[in-house]
Amino acid sequence: MNGEKIKLTVRLSQKEHAHLQKQAAIAGLKMEPLIRKLIMGSDIQPRPPDELPKLLREINYIGHNINQIAHKVNAEDKATLEQLFEVERLLGEIYREVKR
């Protein structure tokens, strides 16, 4: 094939068109790129939420705190009840952030 573009006209019902628009929005694509991906058999993934980078930063921060506690516990070869409660609290914070 020499790269020549072929125009293809497809008639859709209102319901089919609405479904295609919804799928494009979920994937974060315009209609034409979505149709091309579908034709080529690409796996269409939903666009990650806009909050994902912020969530990952927060989880990384919490993980860093847990890691600092783990280093201190390993250095002292024991964990205080307060340290264990803090780790439990931080893990709960991660869980709540992910569930949002």
PDB file of N, CA and C in Angstrom:
ATOM      1  N   MET A   1       0.854  -1.175   0.000  1.00  0.00           N
ATOM      2  CA  MET A   1       0.000   0.000   0.000  1.00  0.00           C
ATOM      3  C   MET A   1       0.896   1.233   0.000  1.00  0.00           C
ATOM      4  N   ASN A   2       0.544   2.224  -0.741  1.00  0.00           N
ATOM      5  CA  ASN A   2       1.391   3.402  -0.901  1.00  0.00           C
ATOM      6  C   ASN A   2       1.052   4.531   0.072  1.00  0.00           C
ATOM      7  N   GLY A   3       0.267   4.287   1.100  1.00  0.00           N
ATOM      8  CA  GLY A   3      -0.066   5.313   2.079  1.00  0.00           C
ATOM      9  C   GLY A   3      -1.234   6.192   1.670  1.00  0.00           C
ATOM     10  N   GLU A   4      -1.843   5.883   0.549  1.00  0.00           N
ATOM     11  CA  GLU A   4      -2.994   6.666   0.089  1.00  0.00           C
ATOM     12  C   GLU A   4      -4.153   6.471   1.056  1.00  0.00           C
ATOM     13  N   LYS A   5      -4.780   7.559   1.449  1.00  0.00           N
ATOM     14  CA  LYS A   5      -5.909   7.508   2.379  1.00  0.00           C
ATOM     15  C   LYS A   5      -7.183   7.183   1.611  1.00  0.00           C
ATOM     16  N   ILE A   6      -7.992   6.337   2.180  1.00  0.00           N
ATOM     17  CA  ILE A   6      -9.270   5.948   1.586  1.00  0.00           C
ATOM     18  C   ILE A   6     -10.372   6.452   2.499  1.00  0.00           C
ATOM     19  N   LYS A   7     -11.310   7.160   1.943  1.00  0.00           N
ATOM     20  CA  LYS A   7     -12.424   7.677   2.725  1.00  0.00           C
ATOM     21  C   LYS A   7     -13.486   6.585   2.825  1.00  0.00           C
ATOM     22  N   LEU A   8     -13.944   6.359   4.037  1.00  0.00           N
ATOM     23  CA  LEU A   8     -14.963   5.349   4.302  1.00  0.00           C
ATOM     24  C   LEU A   8     -16.121   6.021   5.016  1.00  0.00           C
ATOM     25  N   THR A   9     -17.296   5.872   4.478  1.00  0.00           N
ATOM     26  CA  THR A   9     -18.479   6.453   5.094  1.00  0.00           C
ATOM     27  C   THR A   9     -19.264   5.338   5.758  1.00  0.00           C
ATOM     28  N   VAL A  10     -19.640   5.560   7.011  1.00  0.00           N
ATOM     29  CA  VAL A  10     -20.405   4.564   7.764  1.00  0.00           C
ATOM     30  C   VAL A  10     -21.614   5.265   8.353  1.00  0.00           C
ATOM     31  N   ARG A  11     -22.749   4.643   8.221  1.00  0.00           N
ATOM     32  CA  ARG A  11     -23.962   5.205   8.814  1.00  0.00           C
ATOM     33  C   ARG A  11     -24.214   4.484  10.144  1.00  0.00           C
ATOM     34  N   LEU A  12     -24.464   5.295  11.174  1.00  0.00           N
ATOM     35  CA  LEU A  12     -24.717   4.757  12.505  1.00  0.00           C
ATOM     36  C   LEU A  12     -26.079   5.217  12.984  1.00  0.00           C
ATOM     37  N   SER A  13     -26.671   4.405  13.839  1.00  0.00           N
ATOM     38  CA  SER A  13     -27.898   4.840  14.498  1.00  0.00           C
ATOM     39  C   SER A  13     -27.509   5.857  15.577  1.00  0.00           C
ATOM     40  N   GLN A  14     -28.492   6.566  16.098  1.00  0.00           N
ATOM     41  CA  GLN A  14     -28.227   7.518  17.184  1.00  0.00           C
ATOM     42  C   GLN A  14     -27.597   6.799  18.374  1.00  0.00           C
ATOM     43  N   LYS A  15     -28.103   5.625  18.671  1.00  0.00           N
ATOM     44  CA  LYS A  15     -27.606   4.846  19.809  1.00  0.00           C
ATOM     45  C   LYS A  15     -26.152   4.419  19.576  1.00  0.00           C
ATOM     46  N   GLU A  16     -25.833   3.954  18.365  1.00  0.00           N
ATOM     47  CA  GLU A  16     -24.461   3.547  18.045  1.00  0.00           C
ATOM     48  C   GLU A  16     -23.514   4.738  18.114  1.00  0.00           C
ATOM     49  N   HIS A  17     -23.968   5.874  17.576  1.00  0.00           N
ATOM     50  CA  HIS A  17     -23.143   7.077  17.597  1.00  0.00           C
ATOM     51  C   HIS A  17     -22.880   7.537  19.039  1.00  0.00           C
ATOM     52  N   ALA A  18     -23.914   7.527  19.860  1.00  0.00           N
ATOM     53  CA  ALA A  18     -23.768   7.925  21.265  1.00  0.00           C
ATOM     54  C   ALA A  18     -22.797   6.983  21.982  1.00  0.00           C
ATOM     55  N   HIS A  19     -22.903   5.688  21.697  1.00  0.00           N
ATOM     56  CA  HIS A  19     -22.010   4.704  22.316  1.00  0.00           C
ATOM     57  C   HIS A  19     -20.556   4.963  21.899  1.00  0.00           C
ATOM     58  N   LEU A  20     -20.354   5.230  20.607  1.00  0.00           N
ATOM     59  CA  LEU A  20     -19.012   5.500  20.106  1.00  0.00           C
ATOM     60  C   LEU A  20     -18.439   6.774  20.740  1.00  0.00           C
ATOM     61  N   GLN A  21     -19.267   7.801  20.877  1.00  0.00           N
ATOM     62  CA  GLN A  21     -18.818   9.038  21.526  1.00  0.00           C
ATOM     63  C   GLN A  21     -18.440   8.785  22.983  1.00  0.00           C
ATOM     64  N   LYS A  22     -19.220   7.984  23.666  1.00  0.00           N
ATOM     65  CA  LYS A  22     -18.943   7.669  25.069  1.00  0.00           C
ATOM     66  C   LYS A  22     -17.620   6.914  25.193  1.00  0.00           C
ATOM     67  N   GLN A  23     -17.397   5.939  24.300  1.00  0.00           N
ATOM     68  CA  GLN A  23     -16.153   5.165  24.338  1.00  0.00           C
ATOM     69  C   GLN A  23     -14.948   6.060  24.056  1.00  0.00           C
ATOM     70  N   ALA A  24     -15.103   6.984  23.123  1.00  0.00           N
ATOM     71  CA  ALA A  24     -14.014   7.910  22.810  1.00  0.00           C
ATOM     72  C   ALA A  24     -13.696   8.785  24.020  1.00  0.00           C
ATOM     73  N   ALA A  25     -14.734   9.261  24.696  1.00  0.00           N
ATOM     74  CA  ALA A  25     -14.524  10.106  25.882  1.00  0.00           C
ATOM     75  C   ALA A  25     -13.826   9.328  26.990  1.00  0.00           C
ATOM     76  N   ILE A  26     -14.242   8.098  27.204  1.00  0.00           N
ATOM     77  CA  ILE A  26     -13.622   7.260  28.242  1.00  0.00           C
ATOM     78  C   ILE A  26     -12.144   7.036  27.935  1.00  0.00           C
ATOM     79  N   ALA A  27     -11.842   6.812  26.648  1.00  0.00           N
ATOM     80  CA  ALA A  27     -10.456   6.555  26.245  1.00  0.00           C
ATOM     81  C   ALA A  27      -9.649   7.840  26.118  1.00  0.00           C
ATOM     82  N   GLY A  28     -10.320   8.995  26.192  1.00  0.00           N
ATOM     83  CA  GLY A  28      -9.618  10.261  26.044  1.00  0.00           C
ATOM     84  C   GLY A  28      -9.165  10.503  24.613  1.00  0.00           C
ATOM     85  N   LEU A  29      -9.924   9.973  23.657  1.00  0.00           N
ATOM     86  CA  LEU A  29      -9.575  10.114  22.248  1.00  0.00           C
ATOM     87  C   LEU A  29     -10.692  10.821  21.496  1.00  0.00           C
ATOM     88  N   LYS A  30     -10.343  11.327  20.326  1.00  0.00           N
ATOM     89  CA  LYS A  30     -11.372  11.810  19.416  1.00  0.00           C
ATOM     90  C   LYS A  30     -11.888  10.587  18.667  1.00  0.00           C
ATOM     91  N   MET A  31     -12.994  10.764  17.956  1.00  0.00           N
ATOM     92  CA  MET A  31     -13.648   9.620  17.306  1.00  0.00           C
ATOM     93  C   MET A  31     -12.745   8.928  16.284  1.00  0.00           C
ATOM     94  N   GLU A  32     -12.104   9.709  15.415  1.00  0.00           N
ATOM     95  CA  GLU A  32     -11.311   9.082  14.346  1.00  0.00           C
ATOM     96  C   GLU A  32     -10.164   8.228  14.893  1.00  0.00           C
ATOM     97  N   PRO A  33      -9.361   8.732  15.834  1.00  0.00           N
ATOM     98  CA  PRO A  33      -8.303   7.865  16.380  1.00  0.00           C
ATOM     99  C   PRO A  33      -8.858   6.622  17.082  1.00  0.00           C
ATOM    100  N   LEU A  34     -10.014   6.770  17.737  1.00  0.00           N
ATOM    101  CA  LEU A  34     -10.621   5.605  18.387  1.00  0.00           C
ATOM    102  C   LEU A  34     -11.001   4.562  17.342  1.00  0.00           C
ATOM    103  N   ILE A  35     -11.643   4.996  16.271  1.00  0.00           N
ATOM    104  CA  ILE A  35     -12.064   4.058  15.220  1.00  0.00           C
ATOM    105  C   ILE A  35     -10.843   3.377  14.606  1.00  0.00           C
ATOM    106  N   ARG A  36      -9.782   4.131  14.373  1.00  0.00           N
ATOM    107  CA  ARG A  36      -8.554   3.530  13.818  1.00  0.00           C
ATOM    108  C   ARG A  36      -8.009   2.446  14.762  1.00  0.00           C
ATOM    109  N   LYS A  37      -7.975   2.744  16.053  1.00  0.00           N
ATOM    110  CA  LYS A  37      -7.484   1.757  17.017  1.00  0.00           C
ATOM    111  C   LYS A  37      -8.375   0.513  17.030  1.00  0.00           C
ATOM    112  N   LEU A  38      -9.683   0.718  16.978  1.00  0.00           N
ATOM    113  CA  LEU A  38     -10.599  -0.414  16.970  1.00  0.00           C
ATOM    114  C   LEU A  38     -10.402  -1.277  15.722  1.00  0.00           C
ATOM    115  N   ILE A  39     -10.242  -0.636  14.584  1.00  0.00           N
ATOM    116  CA  ILE A  39     -10.040  -1.366  13.324  1.00  0.00           C
ATOM    117  C   ILE A  39      -8.761  -2.194  13.390  1.00  0.00           C
ATOM    118  N   MET A  40      -7.713  -1.629  13.984  1.00  0.00           N
ATOM    119  CA  MET A  40      -6.419  -2.321  14.044  1.00  0.00           C
ATOM    120  C   MET A  40      -6.338  -3.327  15.187  1.00  0.00           C
ATOM    121  N   GLY A  41      -7.408  -3.437  15.959  1.00  0.00           N
ATOM    122  CA  GLY A  41      -7.440  -4.429  17.034  1.00  0.00           C
ATOM    123  C   GLY A  41      -6.674  -4.017  18.274  1.00  0.00           C
ATOM    124  N   SER A  42      -6.387  -2.725  18.416  1.00  0.00           N
ATOM    125  CA  SER A  42      -5.673  -2.253  19.603  1.00  0.00           C
ATOM    126  C   SER A  42      -6.559  -2.380  20.837  1.00  0.00           C
ATOM    127  N   ASP A  43      -5.916  -2.609  21.953  1.00  0.00           N
ATOM    128  CA  ASP A  43      -6.633  -2.672  23.222  1.00  0.00           C
ATOM    129  C   ASP A  43      -6.883  -1.238  23.678  1.00  0.00           C
ATOM    130  N   ILE A  44      -8.133  -0.857  23.825  1.00  0.00           N
ATOM    131  CA  ILE A  44      -8.495   0.497  24.215  1.00  0.00           C
ATOM    132  C   ILE A  44      -8.624   0.541  25.735  1.00  0.00           C
ATOM    133  N   GLN A  45      -7.792   1.376  26.348  1.00  0.00           N
ATOM    134  CA  GLN A  45      -7.798   1.525  27.801  1.00  0.00           C
ATOM    135  C   GLN A  45      -8.422   2.861  28.174  1.00  0.00           C
ATOM    136  N   PRO A  46      -9.140   2.907  29.283  1.00  0.00           N
ATOM    137  CA  PRO A  46      -9.664   4.201  29.730  1.00  0.00           C
ATOM    138  C   PRO A  46      -8.510   5.141  30.079  1.00  0.00           C
ATOM    139  N   ARG A  47      -8.714   6.414  29.834  1.00  0.00           N
ATOM    140  CA  ARG A  47      -7.714   7.406  30.190  1.00  0.00           C
ATOM    141  C   ARG A  47      -7.610   7.453  31.710  1.00  0.00           C
ATOM    142  N   PRO A  48      -6.389   7.488  32.241  1.00  0.00           N
ATOM    143  CA  PRO A  48      -6.265   7.568  33.700  1.00  0.00           C
ATOM    144  C   PRO A  48      -6.886   8.866  34.213  1.00  0.00           C
ATOM    145  N   PRO A  49      -7.422   8.835  35.422  1.00  0.00           N
ATOM    146  CA  PRO A  49      -8.023  10.050  35.972  1.00  0.00           C
ATOM    147  C   PRO A  49      -6.992  11.170  36.083  1.00  0.00           C
ATOM    148  N   ASP A  50      -7.454  12.397  35.977  1.00  0.00           N
ATOM    149  CA  ASP A  50      -6.563  13.562  36.066  1.00  0.00           C
ATOM    150  C   ASP A  50      -5.884  13.643  37.427  1.00  0.00           C
ATOM    151  N   GLU A  51      -6.497  13.062  38.445  1.00  0.00           N
ATOM    152  CA  GLU A  51      -5.937  13.119  39.803  1.00  0.00           C
ATOM    153  C   GLU A  51      -4.811  12.109  40.016  1.00  0.00           C
ATOM    154  N   LEU A  52      -4.548  11.237  39.043  1.00  0.00           N
ATOM    155  CA  LEU A  52      -3.574  10.163  39.236  1.00  0.00           C
ATOM    156  C   LEU A  52      -2.185  10.668  39.639  1.00  0.00           C
ATOM    157  N   PRO A  53      -1.613  11.671  38.973  1.00  0.00           N
ATOM    158  CA  PRO A  53      -0.273  12.120  39.403  1.00  0.00           C
ATOM    159  C   PRO A  53      -0.242  12.591  40.861  1.00  0.00           C
ATOM    160  N   LYS A  54      -1.277  13.327  41.286  1.00  0.00           N
ATOM    161  CA  LYS A  54      -1.342  13.796  42.675  1.00  0.00           C
ATOM    162  C   LYS A  54      -1.444  12.602  43.628  1.00  0.00           C
ATOM    163  N   LEU A  55      -2.273  11.633  43.284  1.00  0.00           N
ATOM    164  CA  LEU A  55      -2.441  10.438  44.109  1.00  0.00           C
ATOM    165  C   LEU A  55      -1.121   9.682  44.229  1.00  0.00           C
ATOM    166  N   LEU A  56      -0.414   9.529  43.120  1.00  0.00           N
ATOM    167  CA  LEU A  56       0.859   8.812  43.151  1.00  0.00           C
ATOM    168  C   LEU A  56       1.888   9.547  44.013  1.00  0.00           C
ATOM    169  N   ARG A  57       1.903  10.888  43.940  1.00  0.00           N
ATOM    170  CA  ARG A  57       2.819  11.659  44.795  1.00  0.00           C
ATOM    171  C   ARG A  57       2.492  11.447  46.268  1.00  0.00           C
ATOM    172  N   GLU A  58       1.202  11.487  46.603  1.00  0.00           N
ATOM    173  CA  GLU A  58       0.795  11.307  48.002  1.00  0.00           C
ATOM    174  C   GLU A  58       1.150   9.908  48.501  1.00  0.00           C
ATOM    175  N   ILE A  59       0.901   8.905  47.675  1.00  0.00           N
ATOM    176  CA  ILE A  59       1.234   7.528  48.071  1.00  0.00           C
ATOM    177  C   ILE A  59       2.748   7.388  48.222  1.00  0.00           C
ATOM    178  N   ASN A  60       3.514   8.012  47.340  1.00  0.00           N
ATOM    179  CA  ASN A  60       4.967   7.964  47.436  1.00  0.00           C
ATOM    180  C   ASN A  60       5.445   8.607  48.742  1.00  0.00           C
ATOM    181  N   TYR A  61       4.835   9.736  49.106  1.00  0.00           N
ATOM    182  CA  TYR A  61       5.185  10.424  50.353  1.00  0.00           C
ATOM    183  C   TYR A  61       4.888   9.523  51.562  1.00  0.00           C
ATOM    184  N   ILE A  62       3.719   8.920  51.561  1.00  0.00           N
ATOM    185  CA  ILE A  62       3.336   8.036  52.665  1.00  0.00           C
ATOM    186  C   ILE A  62       4.272   6.833  52.720  1.00  0.00           C
ATOM    187  N   GLY A  63       4.590   6.274  51.552  1.00  0.00           N
ATOM    188  CA  GLY A  63       5.518   5.139  51.489  1.00  0.00           C
ATOM    189  C   GLY A  63       6.887   5.518  52.027  1.00  0.00           C
ATOM    190  N   HIS A  64       7.313   6.734  51.750  1.00  0.00           N
ATOM    191  CA  HIS A  64       8.601   7.218  52.267  1.00  0.00           C
ATOM    192  C   HIS A  64       8.572   7.258  53.795  1.00  0.00           C
ATOM    193  N   ASN A  65       7.467   7.728  54.362  1.00  0.00           N
ATOM    194  CA  ASN A  65       7.338   7.760  55.824  1.00  0.00           C
ATOM    195  C   ASN A  65       7.400   6.355  56.414  1.00  0.00           C
ATOM    196  N   ILE A  66       6.702   5.432  55.778  1.00  0.00           N
ATOM    197  CA  ILE A  66       6.721   4.039  56.252  1.00  0.00           C
ATOM    198  C   ILE A  66       8.140   3.485  56.164  1.00  0.00           C
ATOM    199  N   ASN A  67       8.858   3.815  55.084  1.00  0.00           N
ATOM    200  CA  ASN A  67      10.221   3.333  54.904  1.00  0.00           C
ATOM    201  C   ASN A  67      11.146   3.883  55.992  1.00  0.00           C
ATOM    202  N   GLN A  68      10.961   5.147  56.355  1.00  0.00           N
ATOM    203  CA  GLN A  68      11.775   5.730  57.434  1.00  0.00           C
ATOM    204  C   GLN A  68      11.522   5.004  58.759  1.00  0.00           C
ATOM    205  N   ILE A  69      10.266   4.692  59.023  1.00  0.00           N
ATOM    206  CA  ILE A  69       9.936   3.948  60.246  1.00  0.00           C
ATOM    207  C   ILE A  69      10.586   2.571  60.205  1.00  0.00           C
ATOM    208  N   ALA A  70      10.522   1.907  59.054  1.00  0.00           N
ATOM    209  CA  ALA A  70      11.111   0.563  58.916  1.00  0.00           C
ATOM    210  C   ALA A  70      12.618   0.608  59.148  1.00  0.00           C
ATOM    211  N   HIS A  71      13.298   1.617  58.612  1.00  0.00           N
ATOM    212  CA  HIS A  71      14.746   1.739  58.829  1.00  0.00           C
ATOM    213  C   HIS A  71      15.060   1.918  60.310  1.00  0.00           C
ATOM    214  N   LYS A  72      14.283   2.743  60.988  1.00  0.00           N
ATOM    215  CA  LYS A  72      14.517   2.974  62.412  1.00  0.00           C
ATOM    216  C   LYS A  72      14.276   1.685  63.212  1.00  0.00           C
ATOM    217  N   VAL A  73      13.207   0.970  62.877  1.00  0.00           N
ATOM    218  CA  VAL A  73      12.897  -0.286  63.564  1.00  0.00           C
ATOM    219  C   VAL A  73      14.015  -1.295  63.342  1.00  0.00           C
ATOM    220  N   ASN A  74      14.510  -1.380  62.096  1.00  0.00           N
ATOM    221  CA  ASN A  74      15.604  -2.320  61.806  1.00  0.00           C
ATOM    222  C   ASN A  74      16.880  -1.941  62.552  1.00  0.00           C
ATOM    223  N   ALA A  75      17.148  -0.637  62.655  1.00  0.00           N
ATOM    224  CA  ALA A  75      18.361  -0.195  63.356  1.00  0.00           C
ATOM    225  C   ALA A  75      18.277  -0.505  64.845  1.00  0.00           C
ATOM    226  N   GLU A  76      17.098  -0.359  65.428  1.00  0.00           N
ATOM    227  CA  GLU A  76      16.921  -0.597  66.854  1.00  0.00           C
ATOM    228  C   GLU A  76      16.578  -2.051  67.157  1.00  0.00           C
ATOM    229  N   ASP A  77      16.274  -2.814  66.126  1.00  0.00           N
ATOM    230  CA  ASP A  77      15.895  -4.229  66.239  1.00  0.00           C
ATOM    231  C   ASP A  77      14.643  -4.424  67.086  1.00  0.00           C
ATOM    232  N   LYS A  78      13.764  -3.384  67.103  1.00  0.00           N
ATOM    233  CA  LYS A  78      12.487  -3.499  67.802  1.00  0.00           C
ATOM    234  C   LYS A  78      11.567  -2.384  67.302  1.00  0.00           C
ATOM    235  N   ALA A  79      10.290  -2.590  67.503  1.00  0.00           N
ATOM    236  CA  ALA A  79       9.304  -1.583  67.108  1.00  0.00           C
ATOM    237  C   ALA A  79       8.461  -1.229  68.314  1.00  0.00           C
ATOM    238  N   THR A  80       8.202   0.051  68.483  1.00  0.00           N
ATOM    239  CA  THR A  80       7.326   0.471  69.577  1.00  0.00           C
ATOM    240  C   THR A  80       5.877   0.364  69.103  1.00  0.00           C
ATOM    241  N   LEU A  81       4.994   0.323  70.051  1.00  0.00           N
ATOM    242  CA  LEU A  81       3.572   0.290  69.727  1.00  0.00           C
ATOM    243  C   LEU A  81       3.185   1.555  68.954  1.00  0.00           C
ATOM    244  N   GLU A  82       3.777   2.668  69.315  1.00  0.00           N
ATOM    245  CA  GLU A  82       3.506   3.936  68.622  1.00  0.00           C
ATOM    246  C   GLU A  82       3.921   3.856  67.144  1.00  0.00           C
ATOM    247  N   GLN A  83       5.073   3.248  66.869  1.00  0.00           N
ATOM    248  CA  GLN A  83       5.526   3.101  65.488  1.00  0.00           C
ATOM    249  C   GLN A  83       4.577   2.213  64.691  1.00  0.00           C
ATOM    250  N   LEU A  84       4.117   1.135  65.314  1.00  0.00           N
ATOM    251  CA  LEU A  84       3.185   0.235  64.629  1.00  0.00           C
ATOM    252  C   LEU A  84       1.862   0.938  64.343  1.00  0.00           C
ATOM    253  N   PHE A  85       1.385   1.730  65.290  1.00  0.00           N
ATOM    254  CA  PHE A  85       0.151   2.492  65.066  1.00  0.00           C
ATOM    255  C   PHE A  85       0.339   3.509  63.942  1.00  0.00           C
ATOM    256  N   GLU A  86       1.520   4.123  63.890  1.00  0.00           N
ATOM    257  CA  GLU A  86       1.795   5.106  62.825  1.00  0.00           C
ATOM    258  C   GLU A  86       1.803   4.429  61.453  1.00  0.00           C
ATOM    259  N   VAL A  87       2.411   3.264  61.365  1.00  0.00           N
ATOM    260  CA  VAL A  87       2.405   2.524  60.093  1.00  0.00           C
ATOM    261  C   VAL A  87       0.976   2.154  59.722  1.00  0.00           C
ATOM    262  N   GLU A  88       0.212   1.699  60.683  1.00  0.00           N
ATOM    263  CA  GLU A  88      -1.193   1.347  60.420  1.00  0.00           C
ATOM    264  C   GLU A  88      -1.972   2.577  59.936  1.00  0.00           C
ATOM    265  N   ARG A  89      -1.732   3.728  60.561  1.00  0.00           N
ATOM    266  CA  ARG A  89      -2.409   4.957  60.156  1.00  0.00           C
ATOM    267  C   ARG A  89      -2.034   5.344  58.726  1.00  0.00           C
ATOM    268  N   LEU A  90      -0.738   5.249  58.408  1.00  0.00           N
ATOM    269  CA  LEU A  90      -0.268   5.612  57.074  1.00  0.00           C
ATOM    270  C   LEU A  90      -0.834   4.664  56.009  1.00  0.00           C
ATOM    271  N   LEU A  91      -0.889   3.385  56.338  1.00  0.00           N
ATOM    272  CA  LEU A  91      -1.470   2.425  55.393  1.00  0.00           C
ATOM    273  C   LEU A  91      -2.960   2.714  55.176  1.00  0.00           C
ATOM    274  N   GLY A  92      -3.648   3.094  56.248  1.00  0.00           N
ATOM    275  CA  GLY A  92      -5.055   3.479  56.134  1.00  0.00           C
ATOM    276  C   GLY A  92      -5.217   4.703  55.248  1.00  0.00           C
ATOM    277  N   GLU A  93      -4.265   5.629  55.356  1.00  0.00           N
ATOM    278  CA  GLU A  93      -4.292   6.838  54.521  1.00  0.00           C
ATOM    279  C   GLU A  93      -4.136   6.465  53.041  1.00  0.00           C
ATOM    280  N   ILE A  94      -3.227   5.544  52.758  1.00  0.00           N
ATOM    281  CA  ILE A  94      -3.050   5.075  51.377  1.00  0.00           C
ATOM    282  C   ILE A  94      -4.352   4.462  50.878  1.00  0.00           C
ATOM    283  N   TYR A  95      -4.948   3.605  51.685  1.00  0.00           N
ATOM    284  CA  TYR A  95      -6.188   2.932  51.297  1.00  0.00           C
ATOM    285  C   TYR A  95      -7.285   3.957  50.984  1.00  0.00           C
ATOM    286  N   ARG A  96      -7.427   4.967  51.844  1.00  0.00           N
ATOM    287  CA  ARG A  96      -8.455   5.982  51.626  1.00  0.00           C
ATOM    288  C   ARG A  96      -8.196   6.787  50.352  1.00  0.00           C
ATOM    289  N   GLU A  97      -6.937   7.104  50.091  1.00  0.00           N
ATOM    290  CA  GLU A  97      -6.592   7.860  48.877  1.00  0.00           C
ATOM    291  C   GLU A  97      -6.927   7.059  47.620  1.00  0.00           C
ATOM    292  N   VAL A  98      -6.604   5.781  47.646  1.00  0.00           N
ATOM    293  CA  VAL A  98      -6.858   4.940  46.468  1.00  0.00           C
ATOM    294  C   VAL A  98      -8.349   4.734  46.249  1.00  0.00           C
ATOM    295  N   LYS A  99      -9.117   4.627  47.326  1.00  0.00           N
ATOM    296  CA  LYS A  99     -10.559   4.389  47.209  1.00  0.00           C
ATOM    297  C   LYS A  99     -11.313   5.615  46.712  1.00  0.00           C
ATOM    298  N   ARG A 100     -10.710   6.826  46.826  1.00  0.00           N
ATOM    299  CA  ARG A 100     -11.375   8.059  46.396  1.00  0.00           C
ATOM    300  C   ARG A 100     -11.741   8.046  44.974  1.00  0.00           C
TER     301      ARG A 100
END
